[in-house]
Structures are given as structure tokens and as C-alpha cells.
ModelCIF file with pLDDT and N, C-alpha, C, O atoms, coordinates in Angstrom:
data_MODEL
#
_entry.id   MODEL 
#
_entity.id                         1 
_entity.type                       polymer 
_entity.pdbx_number_of_molecules   1 
#
_entity_poly.entity_id                      1 
_entity_poly.type                           'polypeptide(L)' 
_entity_poly.nstd_linkage                   no 
_entity_poly.nstd_monomer                   no 
_entity_poly.pdbx_seq_one_letter_code       IELERDVRDDRNIRIAINLCWLPVTPEQLLRDLYSKPHLLDHAARGL 
_entity_poly.pdbx_seq_one_letter_code_can   IELERDVRDDRNIRIAINLCWLPVTPEQLLRDLYSKPHLLDHAARGL 
_entity_poly.pdbx_strand_id                 A 
#
loop_
_entity_poly_seq.entity_id 
_entity_poly_seq.num 
_entity_poly_seq.mon_id 
_entity_poly_seq.hetero 
1 1  ILE n 
1 2  GLU n 
1 3  LEU n 
1 4  GLU n 
1 5  ARG n 
1 6  ASP n 
1 7  VAL n 
1 8  ARG n 
1 9  ASP n 
1 10 ASP n 
1 11 ARG n 
1 12 ASN n 
1 13 ILE n 
1 14 ARG n 
1 15 ILE n 
1 16 ALA n 
1 17 ILE n 
1 18 ASN n 
1 19 LEU n 
1 20 CYS n 
1 21 TRP n 
1 22 LEU n 
1 23 PRO n 
1 24 VAL n 
1 25 THR n 
1 26 PRO n 
1 27 GLU n 
1 28 GLN n 
1 29 LEU n 
1 30 LEU n 
1 31 ARG n 
1 32 ASP n 
1 33 LEU n 
1 34 TYR n 
1 35 SER n 
1 36 LYS n 
1 37 PRO n 
1 38 HIS n 
1 39 LEU n 
1 40 LEU n 
1 41 ASP n 
1 42 HIS n 
1 43 ALA n 
1 44 ALA n 
1 45 ARG n 
1 46 GLY n 
1 47 LEU n 
#
_struct_asym.id          A 
_struct_asym.entity_id   1 
#
loop_
_ma_qa_metric.id 
_ma_qa_metric.mode 
_ma_qa_metric.name 
_ma_qa_metric.software_group_id 
_ma_qa_metric.type 
1 global pLDDT . pLDDT 
2 local  pLDDT . pLDDT 
#
_ma_qa_metric_global.metric_id      1 
_ma_qa_metric_global.metric_value   92.45 
_ma_qa_metric_global.model_id       1 
_ma_qa_metric_global.ordinal_id     1 
#
loop_
_ma_qa_metric_local.label_asym_id 
_ma_qa_metric_local.label_comp_id 
_ma_qa_metric_local.label_seq_id 
_ma_qa_metric_local.metric_id 
_ma_qa_metric_local.metric_value 
_ma_qa_metric_local.model_id 
_ma_qa_metric_local.ordinal_id 
A ILE 1  2 84.00 1 1  
A GLU 2  2 84.00 1 2  
A LEU 3  2 84.00 1 3  
A GLU 4  2 86.00 1 4  
A ARG 5  2 88.00 1 5  
A ASP 6  2 86.00 1 6  
A VAL 7  2 88.00 1 7  
A ARG 8  2 88.00 1 8  
A ASP 9  2 89.00 1 9  
A ASP 10 2 89.00 1 10 
A ARG 11 2 91.00 1 11 
A ASN 12 2 92.00 1 12 
A ILE 13 2 92.00 1 13 
A ARG 14 2 91.00 1 14 
A ILE 15 2 92.00 1 15 
A ALA 16 2 92.00 1 16 
A ILE 17 2 92.00 1 17 
A ASN 18 2 90.00 1 18 
A LEU 19 2 92.00 1 19 
A CYS 20 2 94.00 1 20 
A TRP 21 2 93.00 1 21 
A LEU 22 2 88.00 1 22 
A PRO 23 2 91.00 1 23 
A VAL 24 2 94.00 1 24 
A THR 25 2 95.00 1 25 
A PRO 26 2 96.00 1 26 
A GLU 27 2 95.00 1 27 
A GLN 28 2 96.00 1 28 
A LEU 29 2 96.00 1 29 
A LEU 30 2 97.00 1 30 
A ARG 31 2 96.00 1 31 
A ASP 32 2 96.00 1 32 
A LEU 33 2 96.00 1 33 
A TYR 34 2 96.00 1 34 
A SER 35 2 96.00 1 35 
A LYS 36 2 95.00 1 36 
A PRO 37 2 96.00 1 37 
A HIS 38 2 95.00 1 38 
A LEU 39 2 95.00 1 39 
A LEU 40 2 96.00 1 40 
A ASP 41 2 95.00 1 41 
A HIS 42 2 94.00 1 42 
A ALA 43 2 96.00 1 43 
A ALA 44 2 95.00 1 44 
A ARG 45 2 94.00 1 45 
A GLY 46 2 93.00 1 46 
A LEU 47 2 96.00 1 47 
#
loop_
_atom_site.group_PDB 
_atom_site.id 
_atom_site.type_symbol 
_atom_site.label_atom_id 
_atom_site.label_alt_id 
_atom_site.label_comp_id 
_atom_site.label_asym_id 
_atom_site.label_entity_id 
_atom_site.label_seq_id 
_atom_site.pdbx_PDB_ins_code 
_atom_site.Cartn_x 
_atom_site.Cartn_y 
_atom_site.Cartn_z 
_atom_site.occupancy 
_atom_site.B_iso_or_equiv 
_atom_site.pdbx_formal_charge 
_atom_site.auth_seq_id 
_atom_site.auth_comp_id 
_atom_site.auth_asym_id 
_atom_site.auth_atom_id 
_atom_site.pdbx_PDB_model_num 
ATOM 1   N N  . ILE A 1 1  ? 57.863 31.766 88.789 1.00 84.00 ? 1  ILE A N  1 
ATOM 2   C CA . ILE A 1 1  ? 56.607 31.242 89.363 1.00 84.00 ? 1  ILE A CA 1 
ATOM 3   C C  . ILE A 1 1  ? 55.434 32.216 89.111 1.00 84.00 ? 1  ILE A C  1 
ATOM 4   O O  . ILE A 1 1  ? 54.315 31.795 88.820 1.00 84.00 ? 1  ILE A O  1 
ATOM 5   N N  . GLU A 1 2  ? 55.718 33.508 89.228 1.00 84.00 ? 2  GLU A N  1 
ATOM 6   C CA . GLU A 1 2  ? 54.686 34.478 89.028 1.00 84.00 ? 2  GLU A CA 1 
ATOM 7   C C  . GLU A 1 2  ? 54.185 34.485 87.559 1.00 84.00 ? 2  GLU A C  1 
ATOM 8   O O  . GLU A 1 2  ? 52.994 34.618 87.276 1.00 84.00 ? 2  GLU A O  1 
ATOM 9   N N  . LEU A 1 3  ? 55.156 34.336 86.663 1.00 84.00 ? 3  LEU A N  1 
ATOM 10  C CA . LEU A 1 3  ? 54.779 34.249 85.211 1.00 84.00 ? 3  LEU A CA 1 
ATOM 11  C C  . LEU A 1 3  ? 53.940 33.013 84.961 1.00 84.00 ? 3  LEU A C  1 
ATOM 12  O O  . LEU A 1 3  ? 52.936 33.066 84.250 1.00 84.00 ? 3  LEU A O  1 
ATOM 13  N N  . GLU A 1 4  ? 54.359 31.888 85.554 1.00 86.00 ? 4  GLU A N  1 
ATOM 14  C CA . GLU A 1 4  ? 53.574 30.658 85.383 1.00 86.00 ? 4  GLU A CA 1 
ATOM 15  C C  . GLU A 1 4  ? 52.167 30.811 85.898 1.00 86.00 ? 4  GLU A C  1 
ATOM 16  O O  . GLU A 1 4  ? 51.218 30.285 85.317 1.00 86.00 ? 4  GLU A O  1 
ATOM 17  N N  . ARG A 1 5  ? 52.037 31.534 86.992 1.00 88.00 ? 5  ARG A N  1 
ATOM 18  C CA . ARG A 1 5  ? 50.720 31.807 87.529 1.00 88.00 ? 5  ARG A CA 1 
ATOM 19  C C  . ARG A 1 5  ? 49.878 32.603 86.567 1.00 88.00 ? 5  ARG A C  1 
ATOM 20  O O  . ARG A 1 5  ? 48.693 32.327 86.373 1.00 88.00 ? 5  ARG A O  1 
ATOM 21  N N  . ASP A 1 6  ? 50.504 33.594 85.966 1.00 86.00 ? 6  ASP A N  1 
ATOM 22  C CA . ASP A 1 6  ? 49.769 34.425 84.971 1.00 86.00 ? 6  ASP A CA 1 
ATOM 23  C C  . ASP A 1 6  ? 49.307 33.573 83.791 1.00 86.00 ? 6  ASP A C  1 
ATOM 24  O O  . ASP A 1 6  ? 48.190 33.729 83.299 1.00 86.00 ? 6  ASP A O  1 
ATOM 25  N N  . VAL A 1 7  ? 50.184 32.669 83.342 1.00 88.00 ? 7  VAL A N  1 
ATOM 26  C CA . VAL A 1 7  ? 49.796 31.814 82.229 1.00 88.00 ? 7  VAL A CA 1 
ATOM 27  C C  . VAL A 1 7  ? 48.705 30.881 82.645 1.00 88.00 ? 7  VAL A C  1 
ATOM 28  O O  . VAL A 1 7  ? 47.732 30.705 81.912 1.00 88.00 ? 7  VAL A O  1 
ATOM 29  N N  . ARG A 1 8  ? 48.831 30.289 83.774 1.00 88.00 ? 8  ARG A N  1 
ATOM 30  C CA . ARG A 1 8  ? 47.861 29.248 84.240 1.00 88.00 ? 8  ARG A CA 1 
ATOM 31  C C  . ARG A 1 8  ? 46.479 29.900 84.458 1.00 88.00 ? 8  ARG A C  1 
ATOM 32  O O  . ARG A 1 8  ? 45.445 29.284 84.203 1.00 88.00 ? 8  ARG A O  1 
ATOM 33  N N  . ASP A 1 9  ? 46.485 31.166 84.938 1.00 89.00 ? 9  ASP A N  1 
ATOM 34  C CA . ASP A 1 9  ? 45.200 31.815 85.252 1.00 89.00 ? 9  ASP A CA 1 
ATOM 35  C C  . ASP A 1 9  ? 44.531 32.448 84.056 1.00 89.00 ? 9  ASP A C  1 
ATOM 36  O O  . ASP A 1 9  ? 43.382 32.880 84.151 1.00 89.00 ? 9  ASP A O  1 
ATOM 37  N N  . ASP A 1 10 ? 45.215 32.513 82.942 1.00 89.00 ? 10 ASP A N  1 
ATOM 38  C CA . ASP A 1 10 ? 44.575 33.120 81.759 1.00 89.00 ? 10 ASP A CA 1 
ATOM 39  C C  . ASP A 1 10 ? 43.473 32.223 81.278 1.00 89.00 ? 10 ASP A C  1 
ATOM 40  O O  . ASP A 1 10 ? 43.666 31.027 81.061 1.00 89.00 ? 10 ASP A O  1 
ATOM 41  N N  . ARG A 1 11 ? 42.284 32.831 81.110 1.00 91.00 ? 11 ARG A N  1 
ATOM 42  C CA . ARG A 1 11 ? 41.130 32.051 80.754 1.00 91.00 ? 11 ARG A CA 1 
ATOM 43  C C  . ARG A 1 11 ? 41.245 31.439 79.374 1.00 91.00 ? 11 ARG A C  1 
ATOM 44  O O  . ARG A 1 11 ? 40.809 30.304 79.182 1.00 91.00 ? 11 ARG A O  1 
ATOM 45  N N  . ASN A 1 12 ? 41.798 32.122 78.428 1.00 92.00 ? 12 ASN A N  1 
ATOM 46  C CA . ASN A 1 12 ? 41.906 31.582 77.057 1.00 92.00 ? 12 ASN A CA 1 
ATOM 47  C C  . ASN A 1 12 ? 42.859 30.423 77.010 1.00 92.00 ? 12 ASN A C  1 
ATOM 48  O O  . ASN A 1 12 ? 42.625 29.469 76.269 1.00 92.00 ? 12 ASN A O  1 
ATOM 49  N N  . ILE A 1 13 ? 43.941 30.469 77.786 1.00 92.00 ? 13 ILE A N  1 
ATOM 50  C CA . ILE A 1 13 ? 44.899 29.365 77.806 1.00 92.00 ? 13 ILE A CA 1 
ATOM 51  C C  . ILE A 1 13 ? 44.263 28.135 78.514 1.00 92.00 ? 13 ILE A C  1 
ATOM 52  O O  . ILE A 1 13 ? 44.454 27.003 78.070 1.00 92.00 ? 13 ILE A O  1 
ATOM 53  N N  . ARG A 1 14 ? 43.518 28.360 79.601 1.00 91.00 ? 14 ARG A N  1 
ATOM 54  C CA . ARG A 1 14 ? 42.809 27.263 80.264 1.00 91.00 ? 14 ARG A CA 1 
ATOM 55  C C  . ARG A 1 14 ? 41.884 26.545 79.302 1.00 91.00 ? 14 ARG A C  1 
ATOM 56  O O  . ARG A 1 14 ? 41.835 25.316 79.248 1.00 91.00 ? 14 ARG A O  1 
ATOM 57  N N  . ILE A 1 15 ? 41.159 27.340 78.550 1.00 92.00 ? 15 ILE A N  1 
ATOM 58  C CA . ILE A 1 15 ? 40.230 26.742 77.589 1.00 92.00 ? 15 ILE A CA 1 
ATOM 59  C C  . ILE A 1 15 ? 40.991 25.957 76.502 1.00 92.00 ? 15 ILE A C  1 
ATOM 60  O O  . ILE A 1 15 ? 40.585 24.854 76.138 1.00 92.00 ? 15 ILE A O  1 
ATOM 61  N N  . ALA A 1 16 ? 42.071 26.515 75.996 1.00 92.00 ? 16 ALA A N  1 
ATOM 62  C CA . ALA A 1 16 ? 42.830 25.881 74.924 1.00 92.00 ? 16 ALA A CA 1 
ATOM 63  C C  . ALA A 1 16 ? 43.415 24.569 75.423 1.00 92.00 ? 16 ALA A C  1 
ATOM 64  O O  . ALA A 1 16 ? 43.393 23.563 74.715 1.00 92.00 ? 16 ALA A O  1 
ATOM 65  N N  . ILE A 1 17 ? 43.958 24.582 76.690 1.00 92.00 ? 17 ILE A N  1 
ATOM 66  C CA . ILE A 1 17 ? 44.554 23.339 77.220 1.00 92.00 ? 17 ILE A CA 1 
ATOM 67  C C  . ILE A 1 17 ? 43.482 22.266 77.446 1.00 92.00 ? 17 ILE A C  1 
ATOM 68  O O  . ILE A 1 17 ? 43.687 21.085 77.166 1.00 92.00 ? 17 ILE A O  1 
ATOM 69  N N  . ASN A 1 18 ? 42.310 22.727 77.972 1.00 90.00 ? 18 ASN A N  1 
ATOM 70  C CA . ASN A 1 18 ? 41.225 21.761 78.179 1.00 90.00 ? 18 ASN A CA 1 
ATOM 71  C C  . ASN A 1 18 ? 40.746 21.128 76.873 1.00 90.00 ? 18 ASN A C  1 
ATOM 72  O O  . ASN A 1 18 ? 40.440 19.936 76.835 1.00 90.00 ? 18 ASN A O  1 
ATOM 73  N N  . LEU A 1 19 ? 40.682 21.927 75.797 1.00 92.00 ? 19 LEU A N  1 
ATOM 74  C CA . LEU A 1 19 ? 40.243 21.374 74.525 1.00 92.00 ? 19 LEU A CA 1 
ATOM 75  C C  . LEU A 1 19 ? 41.260 20.365 73.992 1.00 92.00 ? 19 LEU A C  1 
ATOM 76  O O  . LEU A 1 19 ? 40.901 19.494 73.200 1.00 92.00 ? 19 LEU A O  1 
ATOM 77  N N  . CYS A 1 20 ? 42.482 20.464 74.399 1.00 94.00 ? 20 CYS A N  1 
ATOM 78  C CA . CYS A 1 20 ? 43.464 19.498 73.898 1.00 94.00 ? 20 CYS A CA 1 
ATOM 79  C C  . CYS A 1 20 ? 43.527 18.250 74.777 1.00 94.00 ? 20 CYS A C  1 
ATOM 80  O O  . CYS A 1 20 ? 43.983 17.192 74.342 1.00 94.00 ? 20 CYS A O  1 
ATOM 81  N N  . TRP A 1 21 ? 43.069 18.388 76.004 1.00 93.00 ? 21 TRP A N  1 
ATOM 82  C CA . TRP A 1 21 ? 43.057 17.205 76.892 1.00 93.00 ? 21 TRP A CA 1 
ATOM 83  C C  . TRP A 1 21 ? 41.871 17.329 77.863 1.00 93.00 ? 21 TRP A C  1 
ATOM 84  O O  . TRP A 1 21 ? 42.004 17.833 78.978 1.00 93.00 ? 21 TRP A O  1 
ATOM 85  N N  . LEU A 1 22 ? 40.707 16.851 77.398 1.00 88.00 ? 22 LEU A N  1 
ATOM 86  C CA . LEU A 1 22 ? 39.456 17.083 78.103 1.00 88.00 ? 22 LEU A CA 1 
ATOM 87  C C  . LEU A 1 22 ? 39.272 16.126 79.214 1.00 88.00 ? 22 LEU A C  1 
ATOM 88  O O  . LEU A 1 22 ? 39.219 14.923 78.956 1.00 88.00 ? 22 LEU A O  1 
ATOM 89  N N  . PRO A 1 23 ? 39.165 16.576 80.487 1.00 91.00 ? 23 PRO A N  1 
ATOM 90  C CA . PRO A 1 23 ? 38.768 15.714 81.567 1.00 91.00 ? 23 PRO A CA 1 
ATOM 91  C C  . PRO A 1 23 ? 37.311 15.304 81.392 1.00 91.00 ? 23 PRO A C  1 
ATOM 92  O O  . PRO A 1 23 ? 36.508 16.102 80.909 1.00 91.00 ? 23 PRO A O  1 
ATOM 93  N N  . VAL A 1 24 ? 36.952 14.090 81.770 1.00 94.00 ? 24 VAL A N  1 
ATOM 94  C CA . VAL A 1 24 ? 35.578 13.635 81.558 1.00 94.00 ? 24 VAL A CA 1 
ATOM 95  C C  . VAL A 1 24 ? 35.281 12.478 82.484 1.00 94.00 ? 24 VAL A C  1 
ATOM 96  O O  . VAL A 1 24 ? 36.194 11.735 82.844 1.00 94.00 ? 24 VAL A O  1 
ATOM 97  N N  . THR A 1 25 ? 34.037 12.301 82.880 1.00 95.00 ? 25 THR A N  1 
ATOM 98  C CA . THR A 1 25 ? 33.610 11.208 83.700 1.00 95.00 ? 25 THR A CA 1 
ATOM 99  C C  . THR A 1 25 ? 33.240 10.013 82.815 1.00 95.00 ? 25 THR A C  1 
ATOM 100 O O  . THR A 1 25 ? 32.942 10.207 81.636 1.00 95.00 ? 25 THR A O  1 
ATOM 101 N N  . PRO A 1 26 ? 33.249 8.790  83.343 1.00 96.00 ? 26 PRO A N  1 
ATOM 102 C CA . PRO A 1 26 ? 32.866 7.623  82.562 1.00 96.00 ? 26 PRO A CA 1 
ATOM 103 C C  . PRO A 1 26 ? 31.433 7.777  81.979 1.00 96.00 ? 26 PRO A C  1 
ATOM 104 O O  . PRO A 1 26 ? 31.157 7.418  80.834 1.00 96.00 ? 26 PRO A O  1 
ATOM 105 N N  . GLU A 1 27 ? 30.541 8.330  82.833 1.00 95.00 ? 27 GLU A N  1 
ATOM 106 C CA . GLU A 1 27 ? 29.138 8.469  82.396 1.00 95.00 ? 27 GLU A CA 1 
ATOM 107 C C  . GLU A 1 27 ? 29.043 9.399  81.205 1.00 95.00 ? 27 GLU A C  1 
ATOM 108 O O  . GLU A 1 27 ? 28.376 9.108  80.212 1.00 95.00 ? 27 GLU A O  1 
ATOM 109 N N  . GLN A 1 28 ? 29.748 10.563 81.333 1.00 96.00 ? 28 GLN A N  1 
ATOM 110 C CA . GLN A 1 28 ? 29.644 11.526 80.218 1.00 96.00 ? 28 GLN A CA 1 
ATOM 111 C C  . GLN A 1 28 ? 30.334 10.987 78.934 1.00 96.00 ? 28 GLN A C  1 
ATOM 112 O O  . GLN A 1 28 ? 29.866 11.231 77.822 1.00 96.00 ? 28 GLN A O  1 
ATOM 113 N N  . LEU A 1 29 ? 31.424 10.271 79.110 1.00 96.00 ? 29 LEU A N  1 
ATOM 114 C CA . LEU A 1 29 ? 32.097 9.675  77.935 1.00 96.00 ? 29 LEU A CA 1 
ATOM 115 C C  . LEU A 1 29 ? 31.136 8.796  77.162 1.00 96.00 ? 29 LEU A C  1 
ATOM 116 O O  . LEU A 1 29 ? 31.046 8.907  75.939 1.00 96.00 ? 29 LEU A O  1 
ATOM 117 N N  . LEU A 1 30 ? 30.407 7.913  77.859 1.00 97.00 ? 30 LEU A N  1 
ATOM 118 C CA . LEU A 1 30 ? 29.508 6.993  77.169 1.00 97.00 ? 30 LEU A CA 1 
ATOM 119 C C  . LEU A 1 30 ? 28.304 7.743  76.595 1.00 97.00 ? 30 LEU A C  1 
ATOM 120 O O  . LEU A 1 30 ? 27.851 7.465  75.485 1.00 97.00 ? 30 LEU A O  1 
ATOM 121 N N  . ARG A 1 31 ? 27.811 8.674  77.357 1.00 96.00 ? 31 ARG A N  1 
ATOM 122 C CA . ARG A 1 31 ? 26.626 9.478  76.805 1.00 96.00 ? 31 ARG A CA 1 
ATOM 123 C C  . ARG A 1 31 ? 27.039 10.182 75.502 1.00 96.00 ? 31 ARG A C  1 
ATOM 124 O O  . ARG A 1 31 ? 26.309 10.132 74.512 1.00 96.00 ? 31 ARG A O  1 
ATOM 125 N N  . ASP A 1 32 ? 28.145 10.802 75.505 1.00 96.00 ? 32 ASP A N  1 
ATOM 126 C CA . ASP A 1 32 ? 28.629 11.475 74.253 1.00 96.00 ? 32 ASP A CA 1 
ATOM 127 C C  . ASP A 1 32 ? 28.861 10.444 73.132 1.00 96.00 ? 32 ASP A C  1 
ATOM 128 O O  . ASP A 1 32 ? 28.527 10.701 71.975 1.00 96.00 ? 32 ASP A O  1 
ATOM 129 N N  . LEU A 1 33 ? 29.437 9.274  73.479 1.00 96.00 ? 33 LEU A N  1 
ATOM 130 C CA . LEU A 1 33 ? 29.735 8.309  72.468 1.00 96.00 ? 33 LEU A CA 1 
ATOM 131 C C  . LEU A 1 33 ? 28.456 7.797  71.830 1.00 96.00 ? 33 LEU A C  1 
ATOM 132 O O  . LEU A 1 33 ? 28.394 7.644  70.610 1.00 96.00 ? 33 LEU A O  1 
ATOM 133 N N  . TYR A 1 34 ? 27.425 7.527  72.643 1.00 96.00 ? 34 TYR A N  1 
ATOM 134 C CA . TYR A 1 34 ? 26.168 6.965  72.166 1.00 96.00 ? 34 TYR A CA 1 
ATOM 135 C C  . TYR A 1 34 ? 25.316 7.980  71.400 1.00 96.00 ? 34 TYR A C  1 
ATOM 136 O O  . TYR A 1 34 ? 24.513 7.609  70.544 1.00 96.00 ? 34 TYR A O  1 
ATOM 137 N N  . SER A 1 35 ? 25.499 9.245  71.713 1.00 96.00 ? 35 SER A N  1 
ATOM 138 C CA . SER A 1 35 ? 24.565 10.266 71.179 1.00 96.00 ? 35 SER A CA 1 
ATOM 139 C C  . SER A 1 35 ? 25.108 11.077 70.020 1.00 96.00 ? 35 SER A C  1 
ATOM 140 O O  . SER A 1 35 ? 24.363 11.801 69.360 1.00 96.00 ? 35 SER A O  1 
ATOM 141 N N  . LYS A 1 36 ? 26.456 10.956 69.760 1.00 95.00 ? 36 LYS A N  1 
ATOM 142 C CA . LYS A 1 36 ? 27.068 11.734 68.745 1.00 95.00 ? 36 LYS A CA 1 
ATOM 143 C C  . LYS A 1 36 ? 27.661 10.861 67.633 1.00 95.00 ? 36 LYS A C  1 
ATOM 144 O O  . LYS A 1 36 ? 28.722 10.268 67.831 1.00 95.00 ? 36 LYS A O  1 
ATOM 145 N N  . PRO A 1 37 ? 27.013 10.767 66.481 1.00 96.00 ? 37 PRO A N  1 
ATOM 146 C CA . PRO A 1 37 ? 27.415 9.810  65.489 1.00 96.00 ? 37 PRO A CA 1 
ATOM 147 C C  . PRO A 1 37 ? 28.863 9.975  65.025 1.00 96.00 ? 37 PRO A C  1 
ATOM 148 O O  . PRO A 1 37 ? 29.531 8.993  64.703 1.00 96.00 ? 37 PRO A O  1 
ATOM 149 N N  . HIS A 1 38 ? 29.354 11.250 64.992 1.00 95.00 ? 38 HIS A N  1 
ATOM 150 C CA . HIS A 1 38 ? 30.754 11.398 64.564 1.00 95.00 ? 38 HIS A CA 1 
ATOM 151 C C  . HIS A 1 38 ? 31.776 10.794 65.539 1.00 95.00 ? 38 HIS A C  1 
ATOM 152 O O  . HIS A 1 38 ? 32.825 10.277 65.153 1.00 95.00 ? 38 HIS A O  1 
ATOM 153 N N  . LEU A 1 39 ? 31.411 10.888 66.813 1.00 95.00 ? 39 LEU A N  1 
ATOM 154 C CA . LEU A 1 39 ? 32.310 10.252 67.851 1.00 95.00 ? 39 LEU A CA 1 
ATOM 155 C C  . LEU A 1 39 ? 32.309 8.742  67.722 1.00 95.00 ? 39 LEU A C  1 
ATOM 156 O O  . LEU A 1 39 ? 33.349 8.086  67.779 1.00 95.00 ? 39 LEU A O  1 
ATOM 157 N N  . LEU A 1 40 ? 31.049 8.186  67.537 1.00 96.00 ? 40 LEU A N  1 
ATOM 158 C CA . LEU A 1 40 ? 30.906 6.739  67.439 1.00 96.00 ? 40 LEU A CA 1 
ATOM 159 C C  . LEU A 1 40 ? 31.594 6.242  66.152 1.00 96.00 ? 40 LEU A C  1 
ATOM 160 O O  . LEU A 1 40 ? 32.259 5.206  66.169 1.00 96.00 ? 40 LEU A O  1 
ATOM 161 N N  . ASP A 1 41 ? 31.436 6.976  65.046 1.00 95.00 ? 41 ASP A N  1 
ATOM 162 C CA . ASP A 1 41 ? 32.122 6.558  63.860 1.00 95.00 ? 41 ASP A CA 1 
ATOM 163 C C  . ASP A 1 41 ? 33.623 6.533  63.985 1.00 95.00 ? 41 ASP A C  1 
ATOM 164 O O  . ASP A 1 41 ? 34.301 5.682  63.410 1.00 95.00 ? 41 ASP A O  1 
ATOM 165 N N  . HIS A 1 42 ? 34.145 7.510  64.770 1.00 94.00 ? 42 HIS A N  1 
ATOM 166 C CA . HIS A 1 42 ? 35.574 7.547  64.990 1.00 94.00 ? 42 HIS A CA 1 
ATOM 167 C C  . HIS A 1 42 ? 36.091 6.419  65.880 1.00 94.00 ? 42 HIS A C  1 
ATOM 168 O O  . HIS A 1 42 ? 37.102 5.781  65.587 1.00 94.00 ? 42 HIS A O  1 
ATOM 169 N N  . ALA A 1 43 ? 35.345 6.187  67.009 1.00 96.00 ? 43 ALA A N  1 
ATOM 170 C CA . ALA A 1 43 ? 35.799 5.257  67.989 1.00 96.00 ? 43 ALA A CA 1 
ATOM 171 C C  . ALA A 1 43 ? 35.497 3.805  67.616 1.00 96.00 ? 43 ALA A C  1 
ATOM 172 O O  . ALA A 1 43 ? 36.250 2.900  67.975 1.00 96.00 ? 43 ALA A O  1 
ATOM 173 N N  . ALA A 1 44 ? 34.432 3.592  66.918 1.00 95.00 ? 44 ALA A N  1 
ATOM 174 C CA . ALA A 1 44 ? 33.959 2.216  66.657 1.00 95.00 ? 44 ALA A CA 1 
ATOM 175 C C  . ALA A 1 44 ? 34.121 1.783  65.220 1.00 95.00 ? 44 ALA A C  1 
ATOM 176 O O  . ALA A 1 44 ? 33.205 1.219  64.621 1.00 95.00 ? 44 ALA A O  1 
ATOM 177 N N  . ARG A 1 45 ? 35.302 2.052  64.665 1.00 94.00 ? 45 ARG A N  1 
ATOM 178 C CA . ARG A 1 45 ? 35.546 1.759  63.252 1.00 94.00 ? 45 ARG A CA 1 
ATOM 179 C C  . ARG A 1 45 ? 35.463 0.254  62.982 1.00 94.00 ? 45 ARG A C  1 
ATOM 180 O O  . ARG A 1 45 ? 35.232 -0.156 61.845 1.00 94.00 ? 45 ARG A O  1 
ATOM 181 N N  . GLY A 1 46 ? 35.650 -0.569 64.017 1.00 93.00 ? 46 GLY A N  1 
ATOM 182 C CA . GLY A 1 46 ? 35.565 -1.996 63.811 1.00 93.00 ? 46 GLY A CA 1 
ATOM 183 C C  . GLY A 1 46 ? 34.220 -2.581 63.751 1.00 93.00 ? 46 GLY A C  1 
ATOM 184 O O  . GLY A 1 46 ? 34.059 -3.762 63.445 1.00 93.00 ? 46 GLY A O  1 
ATOM 185 N N  . LEU A 1 47 ? 33.206 -1.755 64.047 1.00 96.00 ? 47 LEU A N  1 
ATOM 186 C CA . LEU A 1 47 ? 31.776 -2.164 63.998 1.00 96.00 ? 47 LEU A CA 1 
ATOM 187 C C  . LEU A 1 47 ? 31.211 -1.810 62.624 1.00 96.00 ? 47 LEU A C  1 
ATOM 188 O O  . LEU A 1 47 ? 30.035 -2.060 62.358 1.00 96.00 ? 47 LEU A O  1 
#
């Protein structure tokens, strides 16, 4: 448990995990989608 705490509290690991699974609000998701062409191109390939 102590080792797990060390891993969980490490700043670099927290950043790496967040980059792999980013929490986001609905509002921010749409703002990013509408304002970043590369995200829109990826998500809206059917348009």
C-alpha cells in the first residue's frame, strides 16, 4: 500500500496517466472539438 501511494503521488506518473485518459467536462469537450481542426477532423470523419 505504501508503494502504491508513492506511485500514485508521483507527479510525472499522474501527468502520464491523465494524458492517457483525460477527464473532461461536456462543455470543454465541445469547445475543444469546435476550435481545434485536428480534433474535428479525427472525430467527424463522416462529415
